[in-house]
PDB file of N, CA and C in Angstrom:
ATOM      1  N   MET A   1      -0.993  -2.745   2.814  1.00  0.00           N
ATOM      2  CA  MET A   1      -1.373  -3.948   3.647  1.00  0.00           C
ATOM      3  C   MET A   1      -3.193  -3.753   4.251  1.00  0.00           C
ATOM      4  N   LEU A   2      -3.559  -2.509   3.679  1.00  0.00           N
ATOM      5  CA  LEU A   2      -4.715  -2.886   4.023  1.00  0.00           C
ATOM      6  C   LEU A   2      -5.423  -3.207   2.345  1.00  0.00           C
ATOM      7  N   ALA A   3      -5.035  -3.017   1.450  1.00  0.00           N
ATOM      8  CA  ALA A   3      -5.213  -3.581   0.257  1.00  0.00           C
ATOM      9  C   ALA A   3      -5.692  -4.909   0.281  1.00  0.00           C
ATOM     10  N   ALA A   4      -5.127  -5.714   0.727  1.00  0.00           N
ATOM     11  CA  ALA A   4      -4.378  -7.151   1.379  1.00  0.00           C
ATOM     12  C   ALA A   4      -5.726  -7.589   2.181  1.00  0.00           C
ATOM     13  N   LEU A   5      -6.143  -6.979   3.266  1.00  0.00           N
ATOM     14  CA  LEU A   5      -7.577  -7.164   4.237  1.00  0.00           C
ATOM     15  C   LEU A   5      -8.418  -7.775   3.560  1.00  0.00           C
ATOM     16  N   PRO A   6      -9.410  -8.505   4.339  1.00  0.00           N
ATOM     17  CA  PRO A   6     -10.769  -9.035   3.509  1.00  0.00           C
ATOM     18  C   PRO A   6     -11.655  -7.500   4.060  1.00  0.00           C
ATOM     19  N   ALA A   7     -13.035  -7.650   3.590  1.00  0.00           N
ATOM     20  CA  ALA A   7     -13.445  -6.559   3.390  1.00  0.00           C
ATOM     21  C   ALA A   7     -14.174  -5.689   4.992  1.00  0.00           C
ATOM     22  N   ASN A   8     -14.263  -7.213   5.961  1.00  0.00           N
ATOM     23  CA  ASN A   8     -14.999  -6.988   7.212  1.00  0.00           C
ATOM     24  C   ASN A   8     -13.597  -6.419   7.978  1.00  0.00           C
ATOM     25  N   GLN A   9     -12.700  -6.810   7.938  1.00  0.00           N
ATOM     26  CA  GLN A   9     -11.780  -6.408   8.640  1.00  0.00           C
ATOM     27  C   GLN A   9     -11.590  -5.033   7.774  1.00  0.00           C
ATOM     28  N   LEU A  10     -10.965  -4.635   6.767  1.00  0.00           N
ATOM     29  CA  LEU A  10     -11.017  -3.180   6.887  1.00  0.00           C
ATOM     30  C   LEU A  10     -12.235  -2.278   7.228  1.00  0.00           C
ATOM     31  N   ARG A  11     -13.732  -2.752   7.466  1.00  0.00           N
ATOM     32  CA  ARG A  11     -14.962  -2.082   7.601  1.00  0.00           C
ATOM     33  C   ARG A  11     -14.863  -1.630   8.973  1.00  0.00           C
ATOM     34  N   ALA A  12     -13.846  -3.193  10.235  1.00  0.00           N
ATOM     35  CA  ALA A  12     -13.724  -2.957  11.169  1.00  0.00           C
ATOM     36  C   ALA A  12     -12.529  -1.627  11.474  1.00  0.00           C
ATOM     37  N   LEU A  13     -11.870  -1.483  11.081  1.00  0.00           N
ATOM     38  CA  LEU A  13     -10.674  -0.913  11.322  1.00  0.00           C
ATOM     39  C   LEU A  13     -11.102   0.570  10.856  1.00  0.00           C
ATOM     40  N   PHE A  14     -11.587   0.815   9.561  1.00  0.00           N
ATOM     41  CA  PHE A  14     -12.396   2.283   9.568  1.00  0.00           C
ATOM     42  C   PHE A  14     -14.023   2.256   9.465  1.00  0.00           C
ATOM     43  N   PRO A  15     -14.595   2.246  10.291  1.00  0.00           N
ATOM     44  CA  PRO A  15     -16.334   2.411  10.517  1.00  0.00           C
ATOM     45  C   PRO A  15     -16.967   3.291   9.793  1.00  0.00           C
ATOM     46  N   THR A  16     -15.984   4.533   9.856  1.00  0.00           N
ATOM     47  CA  THR A  16     -16.666   6.141   9.835  1.00  0.00           C
ATOM     48  C   THR A  16     -15.401   6.543   8.923  1.00  0.00           C
ATOM     49  N   ALA A  17     -16.031   7.518   8.165  1.00  0.00           N
ATOM     50  CA  ALA A  17     -15.250   8.355   7.989  1.00  0.00           C
ATOM     51  C   ALA A  17     -14.252   9.131   8.585  1.00  0.00           C
ATOM     52  N   ASP A  18     -14.624   9.227   9.917  1.00  0.00           N
ATOM     53  CA  ASP A  18     -13.496  10.122  10.858  1.00  0.00           C
ATOM     54  C   ASP A  18     -12.352   9.129  11.188  1.00  0.00           C
ATOM     55  N   THR A  19     -12.463   7.776  10.960  1.00  0.00           N
ATOM     56  CA  THR A  19     -11.708   7.282  11.489  1.00  0.00           C
ATOM     57  C   THR A  19     -10.178   7.199  10.142  1.00  0.00           C
ATOM     58  N   LEU A  20     -10.462   7.926   9.297  1.00  0.00           N
ATOM     59  CA  LEU A  20      -9.176   8.258   8.350  1.00  0.00           C
ATOM     60  C   LEU A  20      -8.597   8.914   8.919  1.00  0.00           C
ATOM     61  N   VAL A  21      -7.344   8.904   8.499  1.00  0.00           N
ATOM     62  CA  VAL A  21      -5.848   9.957   9.366  1.00  0.00           C
ATOM     63  C   VAL A  21      -5.725  10.855   8.463  1.00  0.00           C
ATOM     64  N   ASP A  22      -5.807  12.145   8.793  1.00  0.00           N
ATOM     65  CA  ASP A  22      -5.413  13.165   7.596  1.00  0.00           C
ATOM     66  C   ASP A  22      -4.221  13.831   8.158  1.00  0.00           C
ATOM     67  N   ARG A  23      -3.155  13.705   7.735  1.00  0.00           N
ATOM     68  CA  ARG A  23      -1.688  14.196   8.397  1.00  0.00           C
ATOM     69  C   ARG A  23      -1.502  15.364   7.274  1.00  0.00           C
ATOM     70  N   THR A  24      -1.520  15.680   6.652  1.00  0.00           N
ATOM     71  CA  THR A  24      -0.812  16.461   5.283  1.00  0.00           C
ATOM     72  C   THR A  24      -1.909  17.451   4.148  1.00  0.00           C
ATOM     73  N   GLY A  25      -3.322  17.049   4.547  1.00  0.00           N
ATOM     74  CA  GLY A  25      -4.302  17.035   3.907  1.00  0.00           C
ATOM     75  C   GLY A  25      -4.827  16.990   2.668  1.00  0.00           C
ATOM     76  N   VAL A  26      -3.820  15.864   2.203  1.00  0.00           N
ATOM     77  CA  VAL A  26      -3.786  15.029   0.741  1.00  0.00           C
ATOM     78  C   VAL A  26      -4.003  13.438   1.295  1.00  0.00           C
ATOM     79  N   GLY A  27      -5.382  12.518   0.445  1.00  0.00           N
ATOM     80  CA  GLY A  27      -5.370  11.528   0.528  1.00  0.00           C
ATOM     81  C   GLY A  27      -7.143  11.280   0.666  1.00  0.00           C
ATOM     82  N   PRO A  28      -7.220  10.438   1.287  1.00  0.00           N
ATOM     83  CA  PRO A  28      -8.973  10.039   0.604  1.00  0.00           C
ATOM     84  C   PRO A  28      -9.559  10.545   2.259  1.00  0.00           C
ATOM     85  N   ARG A  29     -10.789  10.669   1.645  1.00  0.00           N
ATOM     86  CA  ARG A  29     -11.726  11.993   3.319  1.00  0.00           C
ATOM     87  C   ARG A  29     -12.575  11.247   3.069  1.00  0.00           C
ATOM     88  N   THR A  30     -12.916  10.340   1.984  1.00  0.00           N
ATOM     89  CA  THR A  30     -14.379   9.210   2.117  1.00  0.00           C
ATOM     90  C   THR A  30     -14.115   8.030   2.220  1.00  0.00           C
ATOM     91  N   LEU A  31     -14.989   7.261   3.017  1.00  0.00           N
ATOM     92  CA  LEU A  31     -14.643   5.889   2.743  1.00  0.00           C
ATOM     93  C   LEU A  31     -14.670   4.662   1.145  1.00  0.00           C
ATOM     94  N   THR A  32     -15.585   5.564   0.637  1.00  0.00           N
ATOM     95  CA  THR A  32     -15.319   5.028  -0.890  1.00  0.00           C
ATOM     96  C   THR A  32     -14.391   5.599  -1.533  1.00  0.00           C
ATOM     97  N   ALA A  33     -13.703   6.499  -1.277  1.00  0.00           N
ATOM     98  CA  ALA A  33     -12.677   7.082  -1.692  1.00  0.00           C
ATOM     99  C   ALA A  33     -11.159   6.261  -1.528  1.00  0.00           C
ATOM    100  N   LEU A  34     -10.574   5.609  -0.021  1.00  0.00           N
ATOM    101  CA  LEU A  34     -10.107   4.928   0.473  1.00  0.00           C
ATOM    102  C   LEU A  34     -10.708   3.467  -0.706  1.00  0.00           C
ATOM    103  N   ARG A  35     -11.982   2.760  -0.303  1.00  0.00           N
ATOM    104  CA  ARG A  35     -11.840   1.863  -1.626  1.00  0.00           C
ATOM    105  C   ARG A  35     -11.835   2.077  -2.575  1.00  0.00           C
ATOM    106  N   ARG A  36     -11.521   3.205  -2.960  1.00  0.00           N
ATOM    107  CA  ARG A  36     -11.600   2.967  -4.490  1.00  0.00           C
ATOM    108  C   ARG A  36      -9.757   2.983  -4.617  1.00  0.00           C
ATOM    109  N   ILE A  37      -9.195   3.798  -4.183  1.00  0.00           N
ATOM    110  CA  ILE A  37      -7.283   3.317  -3.834  1.00  0.00           C
ATOM    111  C   ILE A  37      -7.369   1.887  -3.736  1.00  0.00           C
ATOM    112  N   LEU A  38      -7.905   1.342  -2.653  1.00  0.00           N
ATOM    113  CA  LEU A  38      -7.353   0.321  -2.399  1.00  0.00           C
ATOM    114  C   LEU A  38      -7.748  -1.177  -3.890  1.00  0.00           C
ATOM    115  N   THR A  39      -8.860  -0.211  -4.233  1.00  0.00           N
ATOM    116  CA  THR A  39      -8.804  -1.716  -5.519  1.00  0.00           C
ATOM    117  C   THR A  39      -8.282  -1.520  -6.531  1.00  0.00           C
ATOM    118  N   SER A  40      -7.557  -0.299  -6.984  1.00  0.00           N
ATOM    119  CA  SER A  40      -6.372   0.171  -7.951  1.00  0.00           C
ATOM    120  C   SER A  40      -5.008  -0.496  -7.404  1.00  0.00           C
ATOM    121  N   GLU A  41      -4.775  -0.287  -6.228  1.00  0.00           N
ATOM    122  CA  GLU A  41      -3.849  -1.269  -5.665  1.00  0.00           C
ATOM    123  C   GLU A  41      -3.719  -2.157  -5.664  1.00  0.00           C
ATOM    124  N   ARG A  42      -5.036  -2.990  -5.793  1.00  0.00           N
ATOM    125  CA  ARG A  42      -5.275  -4.769  -5.522  1.00  0.00           C
ATOM    126  C   ARG A  42      -4.476  -4.843  -7.487  1.00  0.00           C
ATOM    127  N   LYS A  43      -5.210  -3.606  -8.008  1.00  0.00           N
ATOM    128  CA  LYS A  43      -4.667  -4.280  -9.322  1.00  0.00           C
ATOM    129  C   LYS A  43      -3.151  -4.119  -9.787  1.00  0.00           C
ATOM    130  N   THR A  44      -2.975  -3.107  -9.254  1.00  0.00           N
ATOM    131  CA  THR A  44      -1.211  -3.111  -9.920  1.00  0.00           C
ATOM    132  C   THR A  44      -0.569  -3.881  -9.309  1.00  0.00           C
ATOM    133  N   GLY A  45      -0.844  -4.352  -7.484  1.00  0.00           N
ATOM    134  CA  GLY A  45       0.340  -5.345  -6.798  1.00  0.00           C
ATOM    135  C   GLY A  45       0.862  -4.178  -6.277  1.00  0.00           C
ATOM    136  N   TYR A  46       0.628  -2.952  -5.626  1.00  0.00           N
ATOM    137  CA  TYR A  46       1.445  -1.994  -5.171  1.00  0.00           C
ATOM    138  C   TYR A  46       0.930  -0.814  -4.687  1.00  0.00           C
ATOM    139  N   ALA A  47       0.701  -0.333  -3.600  1.00  0.00           N
ATOM    140  CA  ALA A  47       0.285   1.020  -3.145  1.00  0.00           C
ATOM    141  C   ALA A  47       1.821   1.920  -3.522  1.00  0.00           C
ATOM    142  N   GLU A  48       1.018   3.316  -3.544  1.00  0.00           N
ATOM    143  CA  GLU A  48       1.419   4.369  -3.805  1.00  0.00           C
ATOM    144  C   GLU A  48       1.141   5.389  -3.234  1.00  0.00           C
ATOM    145  N   GLU A  49       1.886   6.661  -2.596  1.00  0.00           N
ATOM    146  CA  GLU A  49       1.081   7.555  -1.628  1.00  0.00           C
ATOM    147  C   GLU A  49       2.110   8.810  -1.931  1.00  0.00           C
ATOM    148  N   ASP A  50       1.947   9.626  -2.022  1.00  0.00           N
ATOM    149  CA  ASP A  50       2.689  10.769  -2.623  1.00  0.00           C
ATOM    150  C   ASP A  50       2.354  12.318  -1.963  1.00  0.00           C
ATOM    151  N   GLY A  51       3.439  12.673  -0.624  1.00  0.00           N
ATOM    152  CA  GLY A  51       2.532  13.041   0.343  1.00  0.00           C
ATOM    153  C   GLY A  51       1.207  13.241   1.609  1.00  0.00           C
ATOM    154  N   GLU A  52       0.763  11.892   1.211  1.00  0.00           N
ATOM    155  CA  GLU A  52      -0.245  11.736   2.390  1.00  0.00           C
ATOM    156  C   GLU A  52       0.303  11.137   3.697  1.00  0.00           C
ATOM    157  N   VAL A  53       1.755  11.415   3.753  1.00  0.00           N
ATOM    158  CA  VAL A  53       1.781  11.373   5.141  1.00  0.00           C
ATOM    159  C   VAL A  53       2.790  11.768   5.569  1.00  0.00           C
ATOM    160  N   THR A  54       4.413  12.667   4.703  1.00  0.00           N
ATOM    161  CA  THR A  54       4.919  13.489   4.696  1.00  0.00           C
ATOM    162  C   THR A  54       5.136  14.156   3.486  1.00  0.00           C
ATOM    163  N   THR A  55       4.765  15.544   4.240  1.00  0.00           N
ATOM    164  CA  THR A  55       4.845  16.101   2.728  1.00  0.00           C
ATOM    165  C   THR A  55       6.172  16.963   2.012  1.00  0.00           C
ATOM    166  N   GLY A  56       6.456  16.329   0.970  1.00  0.00           N
ATOM    167  CA  GLY A  56       8.097  16.128  -0.018  1.00  0.00           C
ATOM    168  C   GLY A  56       7.974  14.938  -0.281  1.00  0.00           C
ATOM    169  N   TYR A  57       7.519  13.784   0.690  1.00  0.00           N
ATOM    170  CA  TYR A  57       8.113  12.645   0.398  1.00  0.00           C
ATOM    171  C   TYR A  57       7.160  11.319  -0.428  1.00  0.00           C
ATOM    172  N   ALA A  58       7.287  10.382  -1.315  1.00  0.00           N
ATOM    173  CA  ALA A  58       6.484   9.343  -1.322  1.00  0.00           C
ATOM    174  C   ALA A  58       7.176   8.324  -0.959  1.00  0.00           C
ATOM    175  N   SER A  59       5.951   7.672  -1.352  1.00  0.00           N
ATOM    176  CA  SER A  59       6.117   6.011  -0.843  1.00  0.00           C
ATOM    177  C   SER A  59       5.723   5.139  -1.646  1.00  0.00           C
ATOM    178  N   VAL A  60       5.946   3.778  -2.233  1.00  0.00           N
ATOM    179  CA  VAL A  60       5.607   2.767  -2.981  1.00  0.00           C
ATOM    180  C   VAL A  60       5.884   0.811  -1.764  1.00  0.00           C
ATOM    181  N   ALA A  61       4.919   0.103  -1.421  1.00  0.00           N
ATOM    182  CA  ALA A  61       4.816  -0.671  -0.593  1.00  0.00           C
ATOM    183  C   ALA A  61       4.270  -1.819  -1.558  1.00  0.00           C
ATOM    184  N   VAL A  62       4.506  -2.819  -0.834  1.00  0.00           N
ATOM    185  CA  VAL A  62       3.297  -3.858  -1.100  1.00  0.00           C
ATOM    186  C   VAL A  62       3.762  -4.894  -0.089  1.00  0.00           C
ATOM    187  N   ALA A  63       2.451  -5.449   0.328  1.00  0.00           N
ATOM    188  CA  ALA A  63       2.265  -6.086   1.439  1.00  0.00           C
ATOM    189  C   ALA A  63       2.871  -7.738   1.635  1.00  0.00           C
ATOM    190  N   VAL A  64       3.536  -8.248   2.468  1.00  0.00           N
ATOM    191  CA  VAL A  64       4.445  -9.212   2.666  1.00  0.00           C
ATOM    192  C   VAL A  64       3.143 -11.000   3.380  1.00  0.00           C
ATOM    193  N   LEU A  65       2.570 -11.672   2.174  1.00  0.00           N
ATOM    194  CA  LEU A  65       1.480 -12.670   2.960  1.00  0.00           C
ATOM    195  C   LEU A  65       1.773 -13.480   3.460  1.00  0.00           C
ATOM    196  N   ASP A  66       1.689 -13.742   4.360  1.00  0.00           N
ATOM    197  CA  ASP A  66       1.796 -15.585   5.213  1.00  0.00           C
ATOM    198  C   ASP A  66       0.827 -16.364   4.416  1.00  0.00           C
ATOM    199  N   HIS A  67       1.308 -17.554   5.031  1.00  0.00           N
ATOM    200  CA  HIS A  67       0.641 -18.764   4.746  1.00  0.00           C
ATOM    201  C   HIS A  67      -0.474 -18.915   4.604  1.00  0.00           C
ATOM    202  N   THR A  68      -1.672 -18.073   5.132  1.00  0.00           N
ATOM    203  CA  THR A  68      -2.879 -17.895   4.911  1.00  0.00           C
ATOM    204  C   THR A  68      -3.622 -16.735   4.642  1.00  0.00           C
ATOM    205  N   GLY A  69      -2.318 -16.462   3.645  1.00  0.00           N
ATOM    206  CA  GLY A  69      -2.682 -15.197   2.469  1.00  0.00           C
ATOM    207  C   GLY A  69      -2.856 -13.880   3.004  1.00  0.00           C
ATOM    208  N   ARG A  70      -2.878 -13.896   4.892  1.00  0.00           N
ATOM    209  CA  ARG A  70      -3.539 -12.370   4.966  1.00  0.00           C
ATOM    210  C   ARG A  70      -1.704 -11.811   5.278  1.00  0.00           C
ATOM    211  N   PRO A  71      -2.030  -9.903   5.149  1.00  0.00           N
ATOM    212  CA  PRO A  71      -0.693  -9.695   5.135  1.00  0.00           C
ATOM    213  C   PRO A  71       0.327  -9.491   6.706  1.00  0.00           C
ATOM    214  N   ALA A  72       1.387 -10.102   6.571  1.00  0.00           N
ATOM    215  CA  ALA A  72       1.870 -10.027   7.603  1.00  0.00           C
ATOM    216  C   ALA A  72       3.044  -8.917   8.298  1.00  0.00           C
ATOM    217  N   ALA A  73       3.583  -8.270   7.012  1.00  0.00           N
ATOM    218  CA  ALA A  73       4.352  -7.239   7.030  1.00  0.00           C
ATOM    219  C   ALA A  73       4.046  -6.363   5.751  1.00  0.00           C
ATOM    220  N   ALA A  74       5.380  -5.682   5.155  1.00  0.00           N
ATOM    221  CA  ALA A  74       5.423  -4.709   4.000  1.00  0.00           C
ATOM    222  C   ALA A  74       6.445  -4.348   3.805  1.00  0.00           C
ATOM    223  N   VAL A  75       6.820  -4.299   2.631  1.00  0.00           N
ATOM    224  CA  VAL A  75       8.212  -3.934   2.373  1.00  0.00           C
ATOM    225  C   VAL A  75       7.577  -2.520   1.839  1.00  0.00           C
ATOM    226  N   ALA A  76       8.413  -1.541   1.697  1.00  0.00           N
ATOM    227  CA  ALA A  76       8.568  -0.303   1.427  1.00  0.00           C
ATOM    228  C   ALA A  76       9.557   0.756   1.251  1.00  0.00           C
ATOM    229  N   THR A  77       9.454   2.015  -0.136  1.00  0.00           N
ATOM    230  CA  THR A  77      10.622   2.148  -0.031  1.00  0.00           C
ATOM    231  C   THR A  77       9.787   4.112   0.177  1.00  0.00           C
ATOM    232  N   THR A  78      10.636   4.664   0.381  1.00  0.00           N
ATOM    233  CA  THR A  78      10.290   6.138   0.634  1.00  0.00           C
ATOM    234  C   THR A  78      11.091   7.560   0.480  1.00  0.00           C
ATOM    235  N   PHE A  79      10.944   8.033  -0.533  1.00  0.00           N
ATOM    236  CA  PHE A  79      11.725   8.749  -1.502  1.00  0.00           C
ATOM    237  C   PHE A  79      11.291  10.632  -1.790  1.00  0.00           C
ATOM    238  N   ARG A  80      12.227  11.677  -1.434  1.00  0.00           N
ATOM    239  CA  ARG A  80      12.065  13.020  -1.781  1.00  0.00           C
ATOM    240  C   ARG A  80      10.985  12.730  -3.068  1.00  0.00           C
ATOM    241  N   SER A  81       9.703  13.240  -3.218  1.00  0.00           N
ATOM    242  CA  SER A  81       9.170  13.354  -4.397  1.00  0.00           C
ATOM    243  C   SER A  81       9.495  13.642  -5.859  1.00  0.00           C
ATOM    244  N   THR A  82      10.211  14.513  -5.485  1.00  0.00           N
ATOM    245  CA  THR A  82      10.509  15.445  -6.328  1.00  0.00           C
ATOM    246  C   THR A  82      12.436  14.529  -7.273  1.00  0.00           C
ATOM    247  N   ALA A  83      12.614  13.249  -6.540  1.00  0.00           N
ATOM    248  CA  ALA A  83      13.485  12.927  -6.889  1.00  0.00           C
ATOM    249  C   ALA A  83      13.549  12.256  -7.476  1.00  0.00           C
ATOM    250  N   VAL A  84      12.631  11.728  -8.091  1.00  0.00           N
ATOM    251  CA  VAL A  84      12.131  10.248  -9.081  1.00  0.00           C
ATOM    252  C   VAL A  84      10.744  10.353  -9.819  1.00  0.00           C
ATOM    253  N   ASP A  85      11.383  10.572 -11.191  1.00  0.00           N
ATOM    254  CA  ASP A  85      10.301  10.914 -11.987  1.00  0.00           C
ATOM    255  C   ASP A  85       9.158   9.400 -12.417  1.00  0.00           C
ATOM    256  N   SER A  86       8.612   9.401 -12.772  1.00  0.00           N
ATOM    257  CA  SER A  86       7.494   8.197 -13.198  1.00  0.00           C
ATOM    258  C   SER A  86       8.145   6.672 -13.379  1.00  0.00           C
ATOM    259  N   ALA A  87       8.911   6.660 -14.421  1.00  0.00           N
ATOM    260  CA  ALA A  87       9.730   5.804 -14.936  1.00  0.00           C
ATOM    261  C   ALA A  87      10.632   4.974 -13.928  1.00  0.00           C
ATOM    262  N   GLY A  88      11.123   6.289 -12.975  1.00  0.00           N
ATOM    263  CA  GLY A  88      11.428   5.639 -12.061  1.00  0.00           C
ATOM    264  C   GLY A  88      10.963   5.246 -10.740  1.00  0.00           C
ATOM    265  N   ARG A  89       9.400   5.784 -10.626  1.00  0.00           N
ATOM    266  CA  ARG A  89       8.773   5.199  -9.548  1.00  0.00           C
ATOM    267  C   ARG A  89       8.250   3.241  -9.951  1.00  0.00           C
ATOM    268  N   ALA A  90       8.029   3.492 -11.141  1.00  0.00           N
ATOM    269  CA  ALA A  90       7.772   1.863 -11.686  1.00  0.00           C
ATOM    270  C   ALA A  90       8.623   1.098 -11.668  1.00  0.00           C
ATOM    271  N   ASP A  91      10.680   1.332 -11.748  1.00  0.00           N
ATOM    272  CA  ASP A  91      11.517   0.713 -11.140  1.00  0.00           C
ATOM    273  C   ASP A  91      11.189   0.234 -10.003  1.00  0.00           C
ATOM    274  N   ILE A  92      10.613   1.230  -8.873  1.00  0.00           N
ATOM    275  CA  ILE A  92      10.671   0.701  -7.514  1.00  0.00           C
ATOM    276  C   ILE A  92       9.657  -0.037  -7.504  1.00  0.00           C
ATOM    277  N   ALA A  93       8.449   0.246  -7.798  1.00  0.00           N
ATOM    278  CA  ALA A  93       7.379  -0.373  -7.541  1.00  0.00           C
ATOM    279  C   ALA A  93       8.206  -2.061  -7.854  1.00  0.00           C
ATOM    280  N   ARG A  94       8.569  -2.318  -9.170  1.00  0.00           N
ATOM    281  CA  ARG A  94       8.943  -3.694  -9.802  1.00  0.00           C
ATOM    282  C   ARG A  94       9.589  -4.347  -8.246  1.00  0.00           C
ATOM    283  N   PHE A  95      10.760  -3.668  -8.050  1.00  0.00           N
ATOM    284  CA  PHE A  95      11.743  -4.147  -7.127  1.00  0.00           C
ATOM    285  C   PHE A  95      11.124  -4.201  -5.860  1.00  0.00           C
ATOM    286  N   VAL A  96      10.329  -3.731  -5.213  1.00  0.00           N
ATOM    287  CA  VAL A  96       9.368  -3.700  -4.099  1.00  0.00           C
ATOM    288  C   VAL A  96       8.520  -4.710  -4.062  1.00  0.00           C
ATOM    289  N   ARG A  97       8.267  -5.212  -5.049  1.00  0.00           N
ATOM    290  CA  ARG A  97       7.269  -6.505  -5.707  1.00  0.00           C
ATOM    291  C   ARG A  97       7.762  -7.579  -5.311  1.00  0.00           C
ATOM    292  N   LYS A  98       9.109  -7.301  -5.913  1.00  0.00           N
ATOM    293  CA  LYS A  98      10.279  -8.502  -6.083  1.00  0.00           C
ATOM    294  C   LYS A  98      10.294  -8.897  -4.763  1.00  0.00           C
ATOM    295  N   THR A  99      10.741  -8.286  -3.856  1.00  0.00           N
ATOM    296  CA  THR A  99      11.059  -8.686  -3.053  1.00  0.00           C
ATOM    297  C   THR A  99      10.086  -8.966  -1.509  1.00  0.00           C
ATOM    298  N   ALA A 100       8.900  -7.914  -1.982  1.00  0.00           N
ATOM    299  CA  ALA A 100       7.991  -8.692  -0.740  1.00  0.00           C
ATOM    300  C   ALA A 100       7.450 -10.138  -1.492  1.00  0.00           C
ATOM    301  N   ALA A 101       7.449 -10.621  -2.498  1.00  0.00           N
ATOM    302  CA  ALA A 101       7.357 -11.439  -3.590  1.00  0.00           C
ATOM    303  C   ALA A 101       8.603 -12.730  -2.376  1.00  0.00           C
ATOM    304  N   THR A 102       9.494 -12.624  -2.110  1.00  0.00           N
ATOM    305  CA  THR A 102      10.132 -13.564  -1.910  1.00  0.00           C
ATOM    306  C   THR A 102      10.201 -13.680  -0.400  1.00  0.00           C
ATOM    307  N   PHE A 103      10.041 -12.721   0.533  1.00  0.00           N
ATOM    308  CA  PHE A 103       9.391 -12.892   1.600  1.00  0.00           C
ATOM    309  C   PHE A 103       8.043 -13.554   1.770  1.00  0.00           C
ATOM    310  N   THR A 104       7.035 -13.247   1.376  1.00  0.00           N
ATOM    311  CA  THR A 104       5.974 -13.655   0.955  1.00  0.00           C
ATOM    312  C   THR A 104       5.939 -15.486   0.922  1.00  0.00           C
ATOM    313  N   ARG A 105       6.722 -16.065  -0.199  1.00  0.00           N
ATOM    314  CA  ARG A 105       7.217 -17.288  -0.552  1.00  0.00           C
ATOM    315  C   ARG A 105       8.275 -17.324   1.011  1.00  0.00           C
ATOM    316  N   ARG A 106       8.945 -17.324   1.355  1.00  0.00           N
ATOM    317  CA  ARG A 106       9.608 -17.462   2.845  1.00  0.00           C
ATOM    318  C   ARG A 106       8.688 -18.056   3.957  1.00  0.00           C
ATOM    319  N   LEU A 107       7.707 -17.080   3.788  1.00  0.00           N
ATOM    320  CA  LEU A 107       6.675 -17.506   5.062  1.00  0.00           C
ATOM    321  C   LEU A 107       5.324 -18.661   4.605  1.00  0.00           C
ATOM    322  N   GLY A 108       5.448 -18.816   3.542  1.00  0.00           N
ATOM    323  CA  GLY A 108       4.952 -20.087   2.917  1.00  0.00           C
ATOM    324  C   GLY A 108       3.414 -19.406   2.387  1.00  0.00           C
ATOM    325  N   GLY A 109       3.689 -18.025   1.899  1.00  0.00           N
ATOM    326  CA  GLY A 109       2.565 -17.952   0.852  1.00  0.00           C
ATOM    327  C   GLY A 109       2.784 -18.069  -0.137  1.00  0.00           C
ATOM    328  N   GLN A 110       1.470 -17.238  -1.030  1.00  0.00           N
ATOM    329  CA  GLN A 110       1.983 -17.090  -2.650  1.00  0.00           C
ATOM    330  C   GLN A 110       1.609 -15.683  -3.242  1.00  0.00           C
ATOM    331  N   PRO A 111       2.758 -15.316  -2.933  1.00  0.00           N
ATOM    332  CA  PRO A 111       2.629 -13.743  -4.884  1.00  0.00           C
ATOM    333  C   PRO A 111       1.043 -13.632  -4.939  1.00  0.00           C
ATOM    334  N   ARG A 112       0.818 -12.694  -5.099  1.00  0.00           N
ATOM    335  CA  ARG A 112      -0.133 -11.908  -5.777  1.00  0.00           C
ATOM    336  C   ARG A 112      -0.268 -11.558  -7.467  1.00  0.00           C
TER     337      ARG A 112
END
């Protein structure tokens, strides 16, 4: 959902690196690192994390956009990191993107 926000809203949510949450010692520690991740997510069309929220678990997520193009919700799935290989993660990402696109269209939005 963060990747779908306008830059000014992202800056309001994370004005300094101190506002970044570190739950497991994994993930971005600077605003520059966060912006780099979000840029990559915009290009791939989905977000992926591995151990950033809960050690040993990974997630794939896609924002659901409303009629204004803003994120209204997200579709995500979480799984044990060791249970899914890279090909499986790509399959999950395709399914999650398709599902989020369906919800986006139902809200009158345009999937990215």
